[in-house]
Amino acid sequence: MHGMQPPVRGPPGDDEAARLEQQDILDALGGLPEGARHCALLAANALKAAIESFKNRRAE
């Protein structure tokens, strides 16, 4: 999904949000200082983990 994608707004489809990559988050935020980049990457990882957790709970 890498490319100029808008950030997730509202309830995205599972597939749309699951395809977000770290670079998609950085691209959507524009230029960030190195310290802020780290925080944005942590947020991207947290989003992916939350989606996986949601999918796993829904499958139970």
Protein backbone atom coordinates (compact mmCIF):
# COMPACT_ATOMS: atom_id res chain seq x y z
CA MET A 1 0.00 0.00 0.00
CA HIS A 2 3.03 2.23 0.15
CA GLY A 3 2.43 5.56 -1.50
CA MET A 4 0.57 8.77 -0.95
CA GLN A 5 -2.38 7.42 1.00
CA PRO A 6 -4.48 9.50 3.36
CA PRO A 7 -4.31 8.54 7.03
CA VAL A 8 -7.01 6.25 8.36
CA ARG A 9 -10.13 8.31 9.08
CA GLY A 10 -13.28 6.84 10.49
CA PRO A 11 -13.81 3.10 10.49
CA PRO A 12 -11.64 1.69 7.69
CA GLY A 13 -12.18 -1.75 6.28
CA ASP A 14 -10.02 -4.42 7.90
CA ASP A 15 -8.00 -4.90 4.74
CA GLU A 16 -7.36 -1.20 4.19
CA ALA A 17 -5.98 -0.58 7.66
CA ALA A 18 -4.04 -3.86 7.77
CA ARG A 19 -2.16 -2.88 4.60
CA LEU A 20 -0.84 0.37 6.09
CA GLU A 21 2.93 0.40 6.30
CA GLN A 22 5.20 2.57 8.42
CA GLN A 23 6.19 4.63 5.40
CA ASP A 24 2.49 5.33 4.65
CA ILE A 25 2.18 6.92 8.10
CA LEU A 26 5.34 8.97 7.61
CA ASP A 27 4.23 10.09 4.14
CA ALA A 28 0.81 11.15 5.44
CA LEU A 29 2.42 13.20 8.23
CA GLY A 30 4.91 14.94 5.97
CA GLY A 31 8.43 15.83 7.06
CA LEU A 32 9.13 15.00 10.67
CA PRO A 33 12.22 15.47 12.83
CA GLU A 34 14.05 12.20 13.53
CA GLY A 35 12.73 11.99 17.11
CA ALA A 36 9.15 12.40 15.97
CA ARG A 37 9.65 9.81 13.21
CA HIS A 38 10.30 7.21 15.89
CA CYS A 39 6.99 8.05 17.60
CA ALA A 40 5.14 7.84 14.28
CA LEU A 41 6.66 4.42 13.60
CA LEU A 42 5.61 3.22 17.05
CA ALA A 43 2.08 4.41 16.29
CA ALA A 44 2.08 2.48 13.00
CA ASN A 45 3.22 -0.66 14.81
CA ALA A 46 0.57 -0.18 17.51
CA LEU A 47 -2.14 0.20 14.86
CA LYS A 48 -1.09 -3.06 13.18
CA ALA A 49 -1.00 -4.87 16.54
CA ALA A 50 -4.47 -3.56 17.45
CA ILE A 51 -5.88 -4.74 14.12
CA GLU A 52 -4.37 -8.20 14.60
CA SER A 53 -5.74 -8.39 18.14
CA PHE A 54 -9.19 -7.35 16.93
CA LYS A 55 -9.13 -9.97 14.16
CA ASN A 56 -8.03 -12.69 16.57
CA ARG A 57 -10.77 -11.85 19.06
CA ARG A 58 -13.39 -11.74 16.33
CA ALA A 59 -12.30 -15.17 15.09
CA GLU A 60 -12.79 -16.78 18.52
